[in-house]
Amino acid sequence: MKKSLLLIYILVFSRTLFVGCSDDDKEVEILTSNFVLGEPYRWNLSKQKDMFHIINNYAELQDYIEAVDGSKVAVNAPDFDKYTLILASGTTQSGVAKIETKLIKHNDIDYTFEVYVFTNMATVVEGYIVAVTVPRLPNNAKVVKKAMVKL
């Protein structure tokens, strides 16, 4: 009887260890919003290279844009007090049909930026550039890009 009672106590105690765990370690998906430069501006980076940039102010943004018509670069930028701009590029072995993004928060400083590149049947090496805004990330944020090509 004492052995079975002890076994029941052990089982109940071990279950409370798992029930009492905090939800602070859960991964959270942060919404991304596409950012479009608009005419006469374009991104000043190669679609043919795998690149990734976290932009937190207007001066940094100026490094990655250019005016097609040669005018002075002055773009409608996001409010960098509230938002961070994530800029990524890469290549595929097929045509690009659409691109979807996700930002996953693992903890207070670790994030993964997931880029899903959906391709079509075109047999051409095609590059992509994706720019999204997210709520302002901490200055010490560590963001890793993870690109996945899907047919």
C-alpha atoms as a PDB file:
ATOM      1  CA  MET A   1       0.000   0.000   0.000  1.00  0.00           C
ATOM      2  CA  LYS A   2       2.810   2.428   0.898  1.00  0.00           C
ATOM      3  CA  LYS A   3       4.608   1.630  -2.347  1.00  0.00           C
ATOM      4  CA  SER A   4       1.528   2.297  -4.479  1.00  0.00           C
ATOM      5  CA  LEU A   5       0.809   5.528  -2.571  1.00  0.00           C
ATOM      6  CA  LEU A   6       4.416   6.638  -3.081  1.00  0.00           C
ATOM      7  CA  LEU A   7       4.126   5.820  -6.793  1.00  0.00           C
ATOM      8  CA  ILE A   8       0.962   7.927  -7.058  1.00  0.00           C
ATOM      9  CA  TYR A   9       2.697  10.866  -5.346  1.00  0.00           C
ATOM     10  CA  ILE A  10       5.634  10.598  -7.725  1.00  0.00           C
ATOM     11  CA  LEU A  11       3.351  10.528 -10.770  1.00  0.00           C
ATOM     12  CA  VAL A  12       1.280  13.486  -9.588  1.00  0.00           C
ATOM     13  CA  PHE A  13       4.397  15.511  -8.708  1.00  0.00           C
ATOM     14  CA  SER A  14       6.047  14.796 -12.066  1.00  0.00           C
ATOM     15  CA  ARG A  15       2.933  15.958 -13.935  1.00  0.00           C
ATOM     16  CA  THR A  16       2.826  19.226 -11.981  1.00  0.00           C
ATOM     17  CA  LEU A  17       6.383  19.966 -13.091  1.00  0.00           C
ATOM     18  CA  PHE A  18       5.254  20.085 -16.712  1.00  0.00           C
ATOM     19  CA  VAL A  19       1.949  21.824 -16.044  1.00  0.00           C
ATOM     20  CA  GLY A  20       3.728  24.587 -14.137  1.00  0.00           C
ATOM     21  CA  CYS A  21       6.065  25.497 -17.023  1.00  0.00           C
ATOM     22  CA  SER A  22       5.955  29.059 -18.292  1.00  0.00           C
ATOM     23  CA  ASP A  23       4.681  29.980 -21.745  1.00  0.00           C
ATOM     24  CA  ASP A  24       7.486  32.562 -22.072  1.00  0.00           C
ATOM     25  CA  ASP A  25       9.509  30.169 -24.238  1.00  0.00           C
ATOM     26  CA  LYS A  26       6.854  29.885 -26.947  1.00  0.00           C
ATOM     27  CA  GLU A  27       7.747  31.081 -30.394  1.00  0.00           C
ATOM     28  CA  VAL A  28       5.623  33.968 -31.619  1.00  0.00           C
ATOM     29  CA  GLU A  29       4.925  34.897 -35.236  1.00  0.00           C
ATOM     30  CA  ILE A  30       5.231  38.635 -35.833  1.00  0.00           C
ATOM     31  CA  LEU A  31       3.198  40.092 -38.677  1.00  0.00           C
ATOM     32  CA  THR A  32       5.150  41.493 -41.612  1.00  0.00           C
ATOM     33  CA  SER A  33       3.922  44.182 -43.969  1.00  0.00           C
ATOM     34  CA  ASN A  34       5.300  44.592 -47.502  1.00  0.00           C
ATOM     35  CA  PHE A  35       7.229  47.798 -48.097  1.00  0.00           C
ATOM     36  CA  VAL A  36       7.186  49.235 -51.634  1.00  0.00           C
ATOM     37  CA  LEU A  37       9.531  52.014 -52.715  1.00  0.00           C
ATOM     38  CA  GLY A  38       7.453  53.337 -55.605  1.00  0.00           C
ATOM     39  CA  GLU A  39       8.592  55.281 -58.656  1.00  0.00           C
ATOM     40  CA  PRO A  40      11.180  56.642 -59.442  1.00  0.00           C
ATOM     41  CA  TYR A  41      13.096  54.602 -56.850  1.00  0.00           C
ATOM     42  CA  ARG A  42      14.518  51.083 -56.876  1.00  0.00           C
ATOM     43  CA  TRP A  43      16.537  48.892 -54.577  1.00  0.00           C
ATOM     44  CA  ASN A  44      20.284  49.307 -54.973  1.00  0.00           C
ATOM     45  CA  LEU A  45      21.264  45.696 -54.353  1.00  0.00           C
ATOM     46  CA  SER A  46      21.697  42.630 -56.481  1.00  0.00           C
ATOM     47  CA  LYS A  47      18.892  40.113 -56.957  1.00  0.00           C
ATOM     48  CA  GLN A  48      21.597  37.629 -57.897  1.00  0.00           C
ATOM     49  CA  LYS A  49      23.169  37.504 -54.423  1.00  0.00           C
ATOM     50  CA  ASP A  50      21.860  36.133 -51.166  1.00  0.00           C
ATOM     51  CA  MET A  51      21.720  39.266 -48.996  1.00  0.00           C
ATOM     52  CA  PHE A  52      19.989  40.225 -45.779  1.00  0.00           C
ATOM     53  CA  HIS A  53      19.784  43.617 -44.020  1.00  0.00           C
ATOM     54  CA  ILE A  54      18.071  44.964 -40.912  1.00  0.00           C
ATOM     55  CA  ILE A  55      17.399  48.693 -41.340  1.00  0.00           C
ATOM     56  CA  ASN A  56      16.529  50.834 -38.330  1.00  0.00           C
ATOM     57  CA  ASN A  57      16.941  54.407 -39.594  1.00  0.00           C
ATOM     58  CA  TYR A  58      16.635  56.599 -42.665  1.00  0.00           C
ATOM     59  CA  ALA A  59      20.420  56.927 -43.155  1.00  0.00           C
ATOM     60  CA  GLU A  60      20.765  53.131 -43.422  1.00  0.00           C
ATOM     61  CA  LEU A  61      17.848  53.005 -45.858  1.00  0.00           C
ATOM     62  CA  GLN A  62      19.568  55.560 -48.124  1.00  0.00           C
ATOM     63  CA  ASP A  63      22.420  53.052 -48.640  1.00  0.00           C
ATOM     64  CA  TYR A  64      20.055  50.570 -50.316  1.00  0.00           C
ATOM     65  CA  ILE A  65      17.963  52.762 -52.618  1.00  0.00           C
ATOM     66  CA  GLU A  66      18.593  54.831 -55.721  1.00  0.00           C
ATOM     67  CA  ALA A  67      16.547  57.138 -57.908  1.00  0.00           C
ATOM     68  CA  VAL A  68      16.084  55.844 -61.455  1.00  0.00           C
ATOM     69  CA  ASP A  69      15.792  59.362 -62.875  1.00  0.00           C
ATOM     70  CA  GLY A  70      18.943  60.629 -61.120  1.00  0.00           C
ATOM     71  CA  SER A  71      17.008  62.876 -58.753  1.00  0.00           C
ATOM     72  CA  LYS A  72      17.962  63.294 -55.129  1.00  0.00           C
ATOM     73  CA  VAL A  73      16.905  60.240 -53.138  1.00  0.00           C
ATOM     74  CA  ALA A  74      14.015  61.145 -50.832  1.00  0.00           C
ATOM     75  CA  VAL A  75      11.692  58.239 -50.219  1.00  0.00           C
ATOM     76  CA  ASN A  76       8.570  57.800 -48.128  1.00  0.00           C
ATOM     77  CA  ALA A  77      10.261  55.757 -45.395  1.00  0.00           C
ATOM     78  CA  PRO A  78       8.629  53.877 -42.542  1.00  0.00           C
ATOM     79  CA  ASP A  79       8.509  55.530 -39.117  1.00  0.00           C
ATOM     80  CA  PHE A  80      11.735  54.059 -37.728  1.00  0.00           C
ATOM     81  CA  ASP A  81      10.704  54.954 -34.170  1.00  0.00           C
ATOM     82  CA  LYS A  82       7.958  52.323 -34.521  1.00  0.00           C
ATOM     83  CA  TYR A  83       9.177  49.967 -37.267  1.00  0.00           C
ATOM     84  CA  THR A  84      12.194  48.043 -38.518  1.00  0.00           C
ATOM     85  CA  LEU A  85      12.670  47.373 -42.224  1.00  0.00           C
ATOM     86  CA  ILE A  86      13.900  43.916 -43.218  1.00  0.00           C
ATOM     87  CA  LEU A  87      15.450  43.686 -46.678  1.00  0.00           C
ATOM     88  CA  ALA A  88      16.435  40.361 -48.267  1.00  0.00           C
ATOM     89  CA  SER A  89      17.422  39.102 -51.703  1.00  0.00           C
ATOM     90  CA  GLY A  90      18.381  35.811 -53.289  1.00  0.00           C
ATOM     91  CA  THR A  91      18.134  33.649 -56.407  1.00  0.00           C
ATOM     92  CA  THR A  92      16.173  30.654 -57.620  1.00  0.00           C
ATOM     93  CA  GLN A  93      16.604  28.227 -60.501  1.00  0.00           C
ATOM     94  CA  SER A  94      13.023  28.889 -61.670  1.00  0.00           C
ATOM     95  CA  GLY A  95      10.745  31.856 -62.177  1.00  0.00           C
ATOM     96  CA  VAL A  96       9.331  33.517 -59.069  1.00  0.00           C
ATOM     97  CA  ALA A  97       5.525  33.297 -58.804  1.00  0.00           C
ATOM     98  CA  LYS A  98       5.084  34.837 -55.326  1.00  0.00           C
ATOM     99  CA  ILE A  99       6.912  35.448 -52.067  1.00  0.00           C
ATOM    100  CA  GLU A 100       5.610  35.141 -48.510  1.00  0.00           C
ATOM    101  CA  THR A 101       7.432  36.098 -45.315  1.00  0.00           C
ATOM    102  CA  LYS A 102       7.253  35.389 -41.594  1.00  0.00           C
ATOM    103  CA  LEU A 103       9.207  36.717 -38.653  1.00  0.00           C
ATOM    104  CA  ILE A 104       9.422  34.283 -35.765  1.00  0.00           C
ATOM    105  CA  LYS A 105      10.374  35.575 -32.315  1.00  0.00           C
ATOM    106  CA  HIS A 106      12.119  32.894 -30.263  1.00  0.00           C
ATOM    107  CA  ASN A 107      12.897  35.074 -27.229  1.00  0.00           C
ATOM    108  CA  ASP A 108      13.645  38.741 -26.484  1.00  0.00           C
ATOM    109  CA  ILE A 109      16.569  38.966 -28.925  1.00  0.00           C
ATOM    110  CA  ASP A 110      16.537  35.885 -31.213  1.00  0.00           C
ATOM    111  CA  TYR A 111      14.433  35.937 -34.394  1.00  0.00           C
ATOM    112  CA  THR A 112      14.180  33.990 -37.640  1.00  0.00           C
ATOM    113  CA  PHE A 113      13.073  35.742 -40.821  1.00  0.00           C
ATOM    114  CA  GLU A 114      11.519  33.110 -43.069  1.00  0.00           C
ATOM    115  CA  VAL A 115      11.222  33.800 -46.797  1.00  0.00           C
ATOM    116  CA  TYR A 116       9.042  31.402 -48.810  1.00  0.00           C
ATOM    117  CA  VAL A 117       9.735  31.761 -52.539  1.00  0.00           C
ATOM    118  CA  PHE A 118       7.083  30.030 -54.647  1.00  0.00           C
ATOM    119  CA  THR A 119       8.375  29.295 -58.140  1.00  0.00           C
ATOM    120  CA  ASN A 120       6.817  28.444 -61.482  1.00  0.00           C
ATOM    121  CA  MET A 121       7.966  26.170 -64.294  1.00  0.00           C
ATOM    122  CA  ALA A 122      10.143  28.768 -66.052  1.00  0.00           C
ATOM    123  CA  THR A 123      13.703  27.503 -66.431  1.00  0.00           C
ATOM    124  CA  VAL A 124      15.502  30.749 -65.779  1.00  0.00           C
ATOM    125  CA  VAL A 125      17.698  31.857 -62.932  1.00  0.00           C
ATOM    126  CA  GLU A 126      15.631  34.595 -61.350  1.00  0.00           C
ATOM    127  CA  GLY A 127      16.396  36.766 -58.392  1.00  0.00           C
ATOM    128  CA  TYR A 128      14.079  38.288 -55.842  1.00  0.00           C
ATOM    129  CA  ILE A 129      14.112  41.226 -53.465  1.00  0.00           C
ATOM    130  CA  VAL A 130      11.713  41.372 -50.549  1.00  0.00           C
ATOM    131  CA  ALA A 131      11.246  44.313 -48.169  1.00  0.00           C
ATOM    132  CA  VAL A 132       8.936  44.203 -45.159  1.00  0.00           C
ATOM    133  CA  THR A 133       8.299  46.288 -42.095  1.00  0.00           C
ATOM    134  CA  VAL A 134       7.839  44.788 -38.638  1.00  0.00           C
ATOM    135  CA  PRO A 135       7.314  46.390 -35.235  1.00  0.00           C
ATOM    136  CA  ARG A 136      10.582  47.956 -34.053  1.00  0.00           C
ATOM    137  CA  LEU A 137      13.126  45.277 -33.107  1.00  0.00           C
ATOM    138  CA  PRO A 138      15.501  45.796 -30.184  1.00  0.00           C
ATOM    139  CA  ASN A 139      18.941  47.157 -31.105  1.00  0.00           C
ATOM    140  CA  ASN A 140      20.575  43.924 -29.927  1.00  0.00           C
ATOM    141  CA  ALA A 141      18.207  41.687 -31.933  1.00  0.00           C
ATOM    142  CA  LYS A 142      19.798  38.734 -33.691  1.00  0.00           C
ATOM    143  CA  VAL A 143      17.858  37.884 -36.851  1.00  0.00           C
ATOM    144  CA  VAL A 144      18.655  34.884 -39.031  1.00  0.00           C
ATOM    145  CA  LYS A 145      17.323  34.613 -42.580  1.00  0.00           C
ATOM    146  CA  LYS A 146      15.934  31.261 -43.679  1.00  0.00           C
ATOM    147  CA  ALA A 147      14.890  31.083 -47.345  1.00  0.00           C
ATOM    148  CA  MET A 148      12.810  28.201 -48.667  1.00  0.00           C
ATOM    149  CA  VAL A 149      12.084  27.681 -52.362  1.00  0.00           C
ATOM    150  CA  LYS A 150       8.846  25.863 -53.124  1.00  0.00           C
ATOM    151  CA  LEU A 151       7.424  24.699 -56.438  1.00  0.00           C
END
